[in-house]
Amino acid sequence: MNMHTNTLQEYLDALEKLCNELEKEKTWLGKLWCIRLMNREISFSTILVVLDVESNESLQRELSRLAFIPQHPSILRNQSRKKSPGNQLSIG
C-alpha cells in the first residue's frame, strides 16, 4: 500500500472506532459531518450535543482531529508515527 492508501485506511479505521465508541447510528457520521463542520454549516458544539459527548473530552478531541483530516491529511500521516499507548493516535 502507498502512503495515501495507508492514510485513508487509518482515517477509516479511526472513524469506525469512533462510531463504535459513540454507539450512534453510523449513518449520521456518514452524512459528511466533518465537511459540514469545515464549511461552517454546523457548529462543533452542535455535533457534541447530537453525539452526546459534551462531557467526554477524549472523544471531543478525536472528533475535532477527524474533522480536519479530509482537508489536512498530513495531520494523520504525521501523527501515525506517534502512536500512544492503547493503540490510539496522539493528539499533540
PDB file of N, CA and C in Angstrom:
ATOM      1  N   MET A   1       0.837  -1.183   0.000  1.00  0.00           N
ATOM      2  CA  MET A   1       0.000   0.000   0.000  1.00  0.00           C
ATOM      3  C   MET A   1       0.883   1.248   0.000  1.00  0.00           C
ATOM      4  N   ASN A   2       0.449   2.275  -0.717  1.00  0.00           N
ATOM      5  CA  ASN A   2       1.212   3.511  -0.697  1.00  0.00           C
ATOM      6  C   ASN A   2       0.788   4.376   0.485  1.00  0.00           C
ATOM      7  N   MET A   3       1.477   5.512   0.656  1.00  0.00           N
ATOM      8  CA  MET A   3       1.222   6.370   1.815  1.00  0.00           C
ATOM      9  C   MET A   3      -0.215   6.881   1.851  1.00  0.00           C
ATOM     10  N   HIS A   4      -0.768   7.257   0.687  1.00  0.00           N
ATOM     11  CA  HIS A   4      -2.130   7.781   0.656  1.00  0.00           C
ATOM     12  C   HIS A   4      -3.146   6.700   1.019  1.00  0.00           C
ATOM     13  N   THR A   5      -2.923   5.489   0.555  1.00  0.00           N
ATOM     14  CA  THR A   5      -3.818   4.384   0.888  1.00  0.00           C
ATOM     15  C   THR A   5      -3.748   4.088   2.381  1.00  0.00           C
ATOM     16  N   ASN A   6      -2.544   4.097   2.931  1.00  0.00           N
ATOM     17  CA  ASN A   6      -2.387   3.873   4.370  1.00  0.00           C
ATOM     18  C   ASN A   6      -3.088   4.957   5.172  1.00  0.00           C
ATOM     19  N   THR A   7      -2.932   6.209   4.743  1.00  0.00           N
ATOM     20  CA  THR A   7      -3.581   7.322   5.434  1.00  0.00           C
ATOM     21  C   THR A   7      -5.091   7.180   5.394  1.00  0.00           C
ATOM     22  N   LEU A   8      -5.626   6.860   4.230  1.00  0.00           N
ATOM     23  CA  LEU A   8      -7.069   6.679   4.092  1.00  0.00           C
ATOM     24  C   LEU A   8      -7.555   5.539   4.974  1.00  0.00           C
ATOM     25  N   GLN A   9      -6.823   4.432   4.985  1.00  0.00           N
ATOM     26  CA  GLN A   9      -7.231   3.292   5.801  1.00  0.00           C
ATOM     27  C   GLN A   9      -7.195   3.640   7.284  1.00  0.00           C
ATOM     28  N   GLU A  10      -6.164   4.370   7.719  1.00  0.00           N
ATOM     29  CA  GLU A  10      -6.096   4.781   9.126  1.00  0.00           C
ATOM     30  C   GLU A  10      -7.263   5.697   9.479  1.00  0.00           C
ATOM     31  N   TYR A  11      -7.620   6.599   8.562  1.00  0.00           N
ATOM     32  CA  TYR A  11      -8.746   7.511   8.783  1.00  0.00           C
ATOM     33  C   TYR A  11     -10.046   6.728   8.905  1.00  0.00           C
ATOM     34  N   LEU A  12     -10.266   5.785   7.993  1.00  0.00           N
ATOM     35  CA  LEU A  12     -11.486   4.976   8.031  1.00  0.00           C
ATOM     36  C   LEU A  12     -11.540   4.116   9.289  1.00  0.00           C
ATOM     37  N   ASP A  13     -10.404   3.576   9.683  1.00  0.00           N
ATOM     38  CA  ASP A  13     -10.350   2.788  10.917  1.00  0.00           C
ATOM     39  C   ASP A  13     -10.686   3.654  12.131  1.00  0.00           C
ATOM     40  N   ALA A  14     -10.160   4.881  12.144  1.00  0.00           N
ATOM     41  CA  ALA A  14     -10.442   5.793  13.257  1.00  0.00           C
ATOM     42  C   ALA A  14     -11.919   6.169  13.291  1.00  0.00           C
ATOM     43  N   LEU A  15     -12.526   6.388  12.125  1.00  0.00           N
ATOM     44  CA  LEU A  15     -13.962   6.681  12.070  1.00  0.00           C
ATOM     45  C   LEU A  15     -14.784   5.498  12.563  1.00  0.00           C
ATOM     46  N   GLU A  16     -14.392   4.299  12.158  1.00  0.00           N
ATOM     47  CA  GLU A  16     -15.094   3.090  12.598  1.00  0.00           C
ATOM     48  C   GLU A  16     -15.015   2.951  14.119  1.00  0.00           C
ATOM     49  N   LYS A  17     -13.831   3.173  14.669  1.00  0.00           N
ATOM     50  CA  LYS A  17     -13.657   3.090  16.118  1.00  0.00           C
ATOM     51  C   LYS A  17     -14.515   4.144  16.817  1.00  0.00           C
ATOM     52  N   LEU A  18     -14.530   5.356  16.263  1.00  0.00           N
ATOM     53  CA  LEU A  18     -15.343   6.424  16.838  1.00  0.00           C
ATOM     54  C   LEU A  18     -16.817   6.055  16.818  1.00  0.00           C
ATOM     55  N   CYS A  19     -17.287   5.510  15.714  1.00  0.00           N
ATOM     56  CA  CYS A  19     -18.689   5.078  15.615  1.00  0.00           C
ATOM     57  C   CYS A  19     -19.014   4.055  16.693  1.00  0.00           C
ATOM     58  N   ASN A  20     -18.127   3.114  16.883  1.00  0.00           N
ATOM     59  CA  ASN A  20     -18.358   2.078  17.893  1.00  0.00           C
ATOM     60  C   ASN A  20     -18.372   2.660  19.302  1.00  0.00           C
ATOM     61  N   GLU A  21     -17.481   3.612  19.573  1.00  0.00           N
ATOM     62  CA  GLU A  21     -17.426   4.231  20.893  1.00  0.00           C
ATOM     63  C   GLU A  21     -18.656   5.086  21.164  1.00  0.00           C
ATOM     64  N   LEU A  22     -19.178   5.736  20.138  1.00  0.00           N
ATOM     65  CA  LEU A  22     -20.315   6.629  20.319  1.00  0.00           C
ATOM     66  C   LEU A  22     -21.629   5.882  20.442  1.00  0.00           C
ATOM     67  N   GLU A  23     -21.667   4.660  19.962  1.00  0.00           N
ATOM     68  CA  GLU A  23     -22.888   3.855  19.971  1.00  0.00           C
ATOM     69  C   GLU A  23     -24.041   4.583  19.284  1.00  0.00           C
ATOM     70  N   LYS A  24     -23.720   5.344  18.270  1.00  0.00           N
ATOM     71  CA  LYS A  24     -24.728   6.031  17.464  1.00  0.00           C
ATOM     72  C   LYS A  24     -24.807   5.332  16.119  1.00  0.00           C
ATOM     73  N   GLU A  25     -25.884   5.601  15.406  1.00  0.00           N
ATOM     74  CA  GLU A  25     -26.003   5.038  14.074  1.00  0.00           C
ATOM     75  C   GLU A  25     -24.890   5.582  13.192  1.00  0.00           C
ATOM     76  N   LYS A  26     -24.276   4.706  12.445  1.00  0.00           N
ATOM     77  CA  LYS A  26     -23.191   5.112  11.568  1.00  0.00           C
ATOM     78  C   LYS A  26     -23.686   6.022  10.450  1.00  0.00           C
ATOM     79  N   THR A  27     -24.970   5.986  10.162  1.00  0.00           N
ATOM     80  CA  THR A  27     -25.481   6.811   9.070  1.00  0.00           C
ATOM     81  C   THR A  27     -25.309   8.288   9.375  1.00  0.00           C
ATOM     82  N   TRP A  28     -25.450   8.705  10.634  1.00  0.00           N
ATOM     83  CA  TRP A  28     -25.281  10.121  10.945  1.00  0.00           C
ATOM     84  C   TRP A  28     -23.850  10.554  10.674  1.00  0.00           C
ATOM     85  N   LEU A  29     -22.895   9.747  11.135  1.00  0.00           N
ATOM     86  CA  LEU A  29     -21.498  10.098  10.896  1.00  0.00           C
ATOM     87  C   LEU A  29     -21.171  10.009   9.415  1.00  0.00           C
ATOM     88  N   GLY A  30     -21.892   9.169   8.705  1.00  0.00           N
ATOM     89  CA  GLY A  30     -21.655   9.025   7.279  1.00  0.00           C
ATOM     90  C   GLY A  30     -22.225  10.157   6.451  1.00  0.00           C
ATOM     91  N   LYS A  31     -22.932  11.067   7.079  1.00  0.00           N
ATOM     92  CA  LYS A  31     -23.546  12.178   6.341  1.00  0.00           C
ATOM     93  C   LYS A  31     -22.604  13.372   6.244  1.00  0.00           C
ATOM     94  N   LEU A  32     -21.337  13.092   6.172  1.00  0.00           N
ATOM     95  CA  LEU A  32     -20.317  14.111   5.953  1.00  0.00           C
ATOM     96  C   LEU A  32     -20.322  15.207   7.018  1.00  0.00           C
ATOM     97  N   TRP A  33     -20.453  14.798   8.275  1.00  0.00           N
ATOM     98  CA  TRP A  33     -20.456  15.762   9.365  1.00  0.00           C
ATOM     99  C   TRP A  33     -19.187  16.593   9.382  1.00  0.00           C
ATOM    100  N   CYS A  34     -18.052  15.986   9.033  1.00  0.00           N
ATOM    101  CA  CYS A  34     -16.801  16.749   9.083  1.00  0.00           C
ATOM    102  C   CYS A  34     -16.783  17.841   8.018  1.00  0.00           C
ATOM    103  N   ILE A  35     -17.338  17.547   6.847  1.00  0.00           N
ATOM    104  CA  ILE A  35     -17.404  18.564   5.796  1.00  0.00           C
ATOM    105  C   ILE A  35     -18.376  19.664   6.205  1.00  0.00           C
ATOM    106  N   ARG A  36     -19.479  19.280   6.818  1.00  0.00           N
ATOM    107  CA  ARG A  36     -20.430  20.290   7.306  1.00  0.00           C
ATOM    108  C   ARG A  36     -19.778  21.190   8.346  1.00  0.00           C
ATOM    109  N   LEU A  37     -18.958  20.607   9.196  1.00  0.00           N
ATOM    110  CA  LEU A  37     -18.251  21.401  10.194  1.00  0.00           C
ATOM    111  C   LEU A  37     -17.253  22.332   9.514  1.00  0.00           C
ATOM    112  N   MET A  38     -16.468  21.806   8.581  1.00  0.00           N
ATOM    113  CA  MET A  38     -15.469  22.618   7.891  1.00  0.00           C
ATOM    114  C   MET A  38     -16.109  23.737   7.075  1.00  0.00           C
ATOM    115  N   ASN A  39     -17.284  23.501   6.528  1.00  0.00           N
ATOM    116  CA  ASN A  39     -17.994  24.518   5.743  1.00  0.00           C
ATOM    117  C   ASN A  39     -18.846  25.431   6.614  1.00  0.00           C
ATOM    118  N   ARG A  40     -18.757  25.236   7.918  1.00  0.00           N
ATOM    119  CA  ARG A  40     -19.498  26.032   8.902  1.00  0.00           C
ATOM    120  C   ARG A  40     -21.009  25.931   8.727  1.00  0.00           C
ATOM    121  N   GLU A  41     -21.458  24.779   8.244  1.00  0.00           N
ATOM    122  CA  GLU A  41     -22.893  24.517   8.139  1.00  0.00           C
ATOM    123  C   GLU A  41     -23.443  24.001   9.462  1.00  0.00           C
ATOM    124  N   ILE A  42     -22.554  23.541  10.317  1.00  0.00           N
ATOM    125  CA  ILE A  42     -22.925  23.016  11.628  1.00  0.00           C
ATOM    126  C   ILE A  42     -21.794  23.380  12.588  1.00  0.00           C
ATOM    127  N   SER A  43     -22.140  23.702  13.801  1.00  0.00           N
ATOM    128  CA  SER A  43     -21.103  24.080  14.763  1.00  0.00           C
ATOM    129  C   SER A  43     -20.576  22.842  15.490  1.00  0.00           C
ATOM    130  N   PHE A  44     -19.366  22.966  15.981  1.00  0.00           N
ATOM    131  CA  PHE A  44     -18.771  21.869  16.724  1.00  0.00           C
ATOM    132  C   PHE A  44     -19.589  21.586  17.975  1.00  0.00           C
ATOM    133  N   SER A  45     -20.085  22.625  18.618  1.00  0.00           N
ATOM    134  CA  SER A  45     -20.896  22.415  19.828  1.00  0.00           C
ATOM    135  C   SER A  45     -22.182  21.656  19.508  1.00  0.00           C
ATOM    136  N   THR A  46     -22.750  21.880  18.322  1.00  0.00           N
ATOM    137  CA  THR A  46     -23.943  21.130  17.912  1.00  0.00           C
ATOM    138  C   THR A  46     -23.609  19.657  17.737  1.00  0.00           C
ATOM    139  N   ILE A  47     -22.469  19.379  17.136  1.00  0.00           N
ATOM    140  CA  ILE A  47     -22.037  17.988  16.963  1.00  0.00           C
ATOM    141  C   ILE A  47     -21.886  17.319  18.328  1.00  0.00           C
ATOM    142  N   LEU A  48     -21.304  18.031  19.277  1.00  0.00           N
ATOM    143  CA  LEU A  48     -21.114  17.467  20.619  1.00  0.00           C
ATOM    144  C   LEU A  48     -22.441  17.140  21.280  1.00  0.00           C
ATOM    145  N   VAL A  49     -23.429  18.004  21.094  1.00  0.00           N
ATOM    146  CA  VAL A  49     -24.755  17.767  21.675  1.00  0.00           C
ATOM    147  C   VAL A  49     -25.431  16.587  20.992  1.00  0.00           C
ATOM    148  N   VAL A  50     -25.418  16.572  19.662  1.00  0.00           N
ATOM    149  CA  VAL A  50     -26.078  15.498  18.910  1.00  0.00           C
ATOM    150  C   VAL A  50     -25.474  14.141  19.260  1.00  0.00           C
ATOM    151  N   LEU A  51     -24.156  14.106  19.415  1.00  0.00           N
ATOM    152  CA  LEU A  51     -23.485  12.845  19.724  1.00  0.00           C
ATOM    153  C   LEU A  51     -23.412  12.565  21.226  1.00  0.00           C
ATOM    154  N   ASP A  52     -23.913  13.505  22.033  1.00  0.00           N
ATOM    155  CA  ASP A  52     -23.952  13.343  23.483  1.00  0.00           C
ATOM    156  C   ASP A  52     -22.561  13.101  24.068  1.00  0.00           C
ATOM    157  N   VAL A  53     -21.617  13.954  23.694  1.00  0.00           N
ATOM    158  CA  VAL A  53     -20.251  13.826  24.198  1.00  0.00           C
ATOM    159  C   VAL A  53     -19.748  15.131  24.829  1.00  0.00           C
ATOM    160  N   GLU A  54     -20.672  15.956  25.321  1.00  0.00           N
ATOM    161  CA  GLU A  54     -20.258  17.227  25.922  1.00  0.00           C
ATOM    162  C   GLU A  54     -19.306  17.035  27.099  1.00  0.00           C
ATOM    163  N   SER A  55     -19.421  15.932  27.811  1.00  0.00           N
ATOM    164  CA  SER A  55     -18.585  15.711  28.992  1.00  0.00           C
ATOM    165  C   SER A  55     -17.419  14.754  28.732  1.00  0.00           C
ATOM    166  N   ASN A  56     -17.223  14.345  27.496  1.00  0.00           N
ATOM    167  CA  ASN A  56     -16.152  13.399  27.177  1.00  0.00           C
ATOM    168  C   ASN A  56     -15.075  14.103  26.348  1.00  0.00           C
ATOM    169  N   GLU A  57     -14.074  14.650  27.041  1.00  0.00           N
ATOM    170  CA  GLU A  57     -13.033  15.425  26.364  1.00  0.00           C
ATOM    171  C   GLU A  57     -12.220  14.588  25.386  1.00  0.00           C
ATOM    172  N   SER A  58     -12.004  13.333  25.696  1.00  0.00           N
ATOM    173  CA  SER A  58     -11.240  12.464  24.809  1.00  0.00           C
ATOM    174  C   SER A  58     -11.940  12.306  23.457  1.00  0.00           C
ATOM    175  N   LEU A  59     -13.242  12.037  23.479  1.00  0.00           N
ATOM    176  CA  LEU A  59     -13.993  11.915  22.227  1.00  0.00           C
ATOM    177  C   LEU A  59     -14.105  13.256  21.511  1.00  0.00           C
ATOM    178  N   GLN A  60     -14.175  14.339  22.259  1.00  0.00           N
ATOM    179  CA  GLN A  60     -14.212  15.662  21.636  1.00  0.00           C
ATOM    180  C   GLN A  60     -12.932  15.923  20.845  1.00  0.00           C
ATOM    181  N   ARG A  61     -11.794  15.582  21.441  1.00  0.00           N
ATOM    182  CA  ARG A  61     -10.509  15.766  20.737  1.00  0.00           C
ATOM    183  C   ARG A  61     -10.453  14.899  19.487  1.00  0.00           C
ATOM    184  N   GLU A  62     -10.929  13.664  19.593  1.00  0.00           N
ATOM    185  CA  GLU A  62     -10.901  12.761  18.442  1.00  0.00           C
ATOM    186  C   GLU A  62     -11.832  13.265  17.341  1.00  0.00           C
ATOM    187  N   LEU A  63     -13.012  13.741  17.688  1.00  0.00           N
ATOM    188  CA  LEU A  63     -13.927  14.312  16.696  1.00  0.00           C
ATOM    189  C   LEU A  63     -13.288  15.500  15.991  1.00  0.00           C
ATOM    190  N   SER A  64     -12.667  16.357  16.760  1.00  0.00           N
ATOM    191  CA  SER A  64     -12.021  17.538  16.195  1.00  0.00           C
ATOM    192  C   SER A  64     -10.910  17.131  15.232  1.00  0.00           C
ATOM    193  N   ARG A  65     -10.090  16.192  15.647  1.00  0.00           N
ATOM    194  CA  ARG A  65      -8.977  15.727  14.809  1.00  0.00           C
ATOM    195  C   ARG A  65      -9.498  15.106  13.520  1.00  0.00           C
ATOM    196  N   LEU A  66     -10.493  14.238  13.635  1.00  0.00           N
ATOM    197  CA  LEU A  66     -11.025  13.562  12.450  1.00  0.00           C
ATOM    198  C   LEU A  66     -11.739  14.525  11.508  1.00  0.00           C
ATOM    199  N   ALA A  67     -12.301  15.590  12.047  1.00  0.00           N
ATOM    200  CA  ALA A  67     -12.992  16.564  11.201  1.00  0.00           C
ATOM    201  C   ALA A  67     -12.024  17.285  10.266  1.00  0.00           C
ATOM    202  N   PHE A  68     -10.787  17.458  10.694  1.00  0.00           N
ATOM    203  CA  PHE A  68      -9.831  18.205   9.889  1.00  0.00           C
ATOM    204  C   PHE A  68      -8.995  17.336   8.958  1.00  0.00           C
ATOM    205  N   ILE A  69      -8.992  16.042   9.143  1.00  0.00           N
ATOM    206  CA  ILE A  69      -8.160  15.165   8.318  1.00  0.00           C
ATOM    207  C   ILE A  69      -8.513  15.217   6.835  1.00  0.00           C
ATOM    208  N   PRO A  70      -9.797  15.243   6.426  1.00  0.00           N
ATOM    209  CA  PRO A  70     -10.069  15.302   4.980  1.00  0.00           C
ATOM    210  C   PRO A  70      -9.443  16.522   4.295  1.00  0.00           C
ATOM    211  N   GLN A  71      -9.373  17.633   5.002  1.00  0.00           N
ATOM    212  CA  GLN A  71      -8.797  18.839   4.414  1.00  0.00           C
ATOM    213  C   GLN A  71      -7.281  18.912   4.625  1.00  0.00           C
ATOM    214  N   HIS A  72      -6.803  18.254   5.674  1.00  0.00           N
ATOM    215  CA  HIS A  72      -5.377  18.289   6.015  1.00  0.00           C
ATOM    216  C   HIS A  72      -4.883  16.871   6.311  1.00  0.00           C
ATOM    217  N   PRO A  73      -4.768  16.018   5.301  1.00  0.00           N
ATOM    218  CA  PRO A  73      -4.397  14.613   5.546  1.00  0.00           C
ATOM    219  C   PRO A  73      -3.024  14.436   6.164  1.00  0.00           C
ATOM    220  N   SER A  74      -2.167  15.427   6.061  1.00  0.00           N
ATOM    221  CA  SER A  74      -0.844  15.293   6.662  1.00  0.00           C
ATOM    222  C   SER A  74      -0.927  15.181   8.180  1.00  0.00           C
ATOM    223  N   ILE A  75      -2.022  15.656   8.773  1.00  0.00           N
ATOM    224  CA  ILE A  75      -2.214  15.525  10.220  1.00  0.00           C
ATOM    225  C   ILE A  75      -2.131  14.056  10.617  1.00  0.00           C
ATOM    226  N   LEU A  76      -2.847  13.211   9.903  1.00  0.00           N
ATOM    227  CA  LEU A  76      -2.861  11.785  10.230  1.00  0.00           C
ATOM    228  C   LEU A  76      -1.523  11.138   9.902  1.00  0.00           C
ATOM    229  N   ARG A  77      -0.947  11.488   8.769  1.00  0.00           N
ATOM    230  CA  ARG A  77       0.350  10.905   8.403  1.00  0.00           C
ATOM    231  C   ARG A  77       1.397  11.241   9.448  1.00  0.00           C
ATOM    232  N   ASN A  78       1.421  12.495   9.910  1.00  0.00           N
ATOM    233  CA  ASN A  78       2.407  12.909  10.908  1.00  0.00           C
ATOM    234  C   ASN A  78       2.145  12.244  12.249  1.00  0.00           C
ATOM    235  N   GLN A  79       0.890  12.126  12.635  1.00  0.00           N
ATOM    236  CA  GLN A  79       0.569  11.567  13.940  1.00  0.00           C
ATOM    237  C   GLN A  79       0.622  10.054  13.959  1.00  0.00           C
ATOM    238  N   SER A  80       0.532   9.419  12.803  1.00  0.00           N
ATOM    239  CA  SER A  80       0.562   7.957  12.796  1.00  0.00           C
ATOM    240  C   SER A  80       1.921   7.446  13.256  1.00  0.00           C
ATOM    241  N   ARG A  81       2.926   8.294  13.212  1.00  0.00           N
ATOM    242  CA  ARG A  81       4.246   7.916  13.704  1.00  0.00           C
ATOM    243  C   ARG A  81       4.330   8.038  15.221  1.00  0.00           C
ATOM    244  N   LYS A  82       3.366   8.728  15.831  1.00  0.00           N
ATOM    245  CA  LYS A  82       3.375   8.989  17.276  1.00  0.00           C
ATOM    246  C   LYS A  82       2.261   8.217  17.962  1.00  0.00           C
ATOM    247  N   LYS A  83       2.217   6.940  17.819  1.00  0.00           N
ATOM    248  CA  LYS A  83       1.165   6.144  18.460  1.00  0.00           C
ATOM    249  C   LYS A  83       1.367   6.175  19.967  1.00  0.00           C
ATOM    250  N   SER A  84       0.285   6.425  20.681  1.00  0.00           N
ATOM    251  CA  SER A  84       0.341   6.434  22.136  1.00  0.00           C
ATOM    252  C   SER A  84      -0.091   5.064  22.655  1.00  0.00           C
ATOM    253  N   PRO A  85       0.103   4.789  23.944  1.00  0.00           N
ATOM    254  CA  PRO A  85      -0.333   3.502  24.500  1.00  0.00           C
ATOM    255  C   PRO A  85      -1.818   3.271  24.253  1.00  0.00           C
ATOM    256  N   GLY A  86      -2.173   2.048  24.062  1.00  0.00           N
ATOM    257  CA  GLY A  86      -3.567   1.721  23.790  1.00  0.00           C
ATOM    258  C   GLY A  86      -3.890   1.793  22.314  1.00  0.00           C
ATOM    259  N   ASN A  87      -2.873   1.948  21.474  1.00  0.00           N
ATOM    260  CA  ASN A  87      -3.040   1.973  20.024  1.00  0.00           C
ATOM    261  C   ASN A  87      -3.938   3.113  19.544  1.00  0.00           C
ATOM    262  N   GLN A  88      -3.945   4.238  20.271  1.00  0.00           N
ATOM    263  CA  GLN A  88      -4.669   5.425  19.824  1.00  0.00           C
ATOM    264  C   GLN A  88      -3.647   6.409  19.299  1.00  0.00           C
ATOM    265  N   LEU A  89      -4.054   7.205  18.346  1.00  0.00           N
ATOM    266  CA  LEU A  89      -3.161   8.224  17.833  1.00  0.00           C
ATOM    267  C   LEU A  89      -3.077   9.356  18.835  1.00  0.00           C
ATOM    268  N   SER A  90      -1.862   9.886  19.019  1.00  0.00           N
ATOM    269  CA  SER A  90      -1.735  11.002  19.947  1.00  0.00           C
ATOM    270  C   SER A  90      -2.252  12.269  19.292  1.00  0.00           C
ATOM    271  N   ILE A  91      -2.778  13.148  20.088  1.00  0.00           N
ATOM    272  CA  ILE A  91      -3.365  14.387  19.589  1.00  0.00           C
ATOM    273  C   ILE A  91      -2.298  15.466  19.463  1.00  0.00           C
ATOM    274  N   GLY A  92      -1.337  15.490  20.356  1.00  0.00           N
ATOM    275  CA  GLY A  92      -0.366  16.577  20.416  1.00  0.00           C
ATOM    276  C   GLY A  92       0.808  16.423  19.577  1.00  0.00           C
TER     277      GLY A  92
END
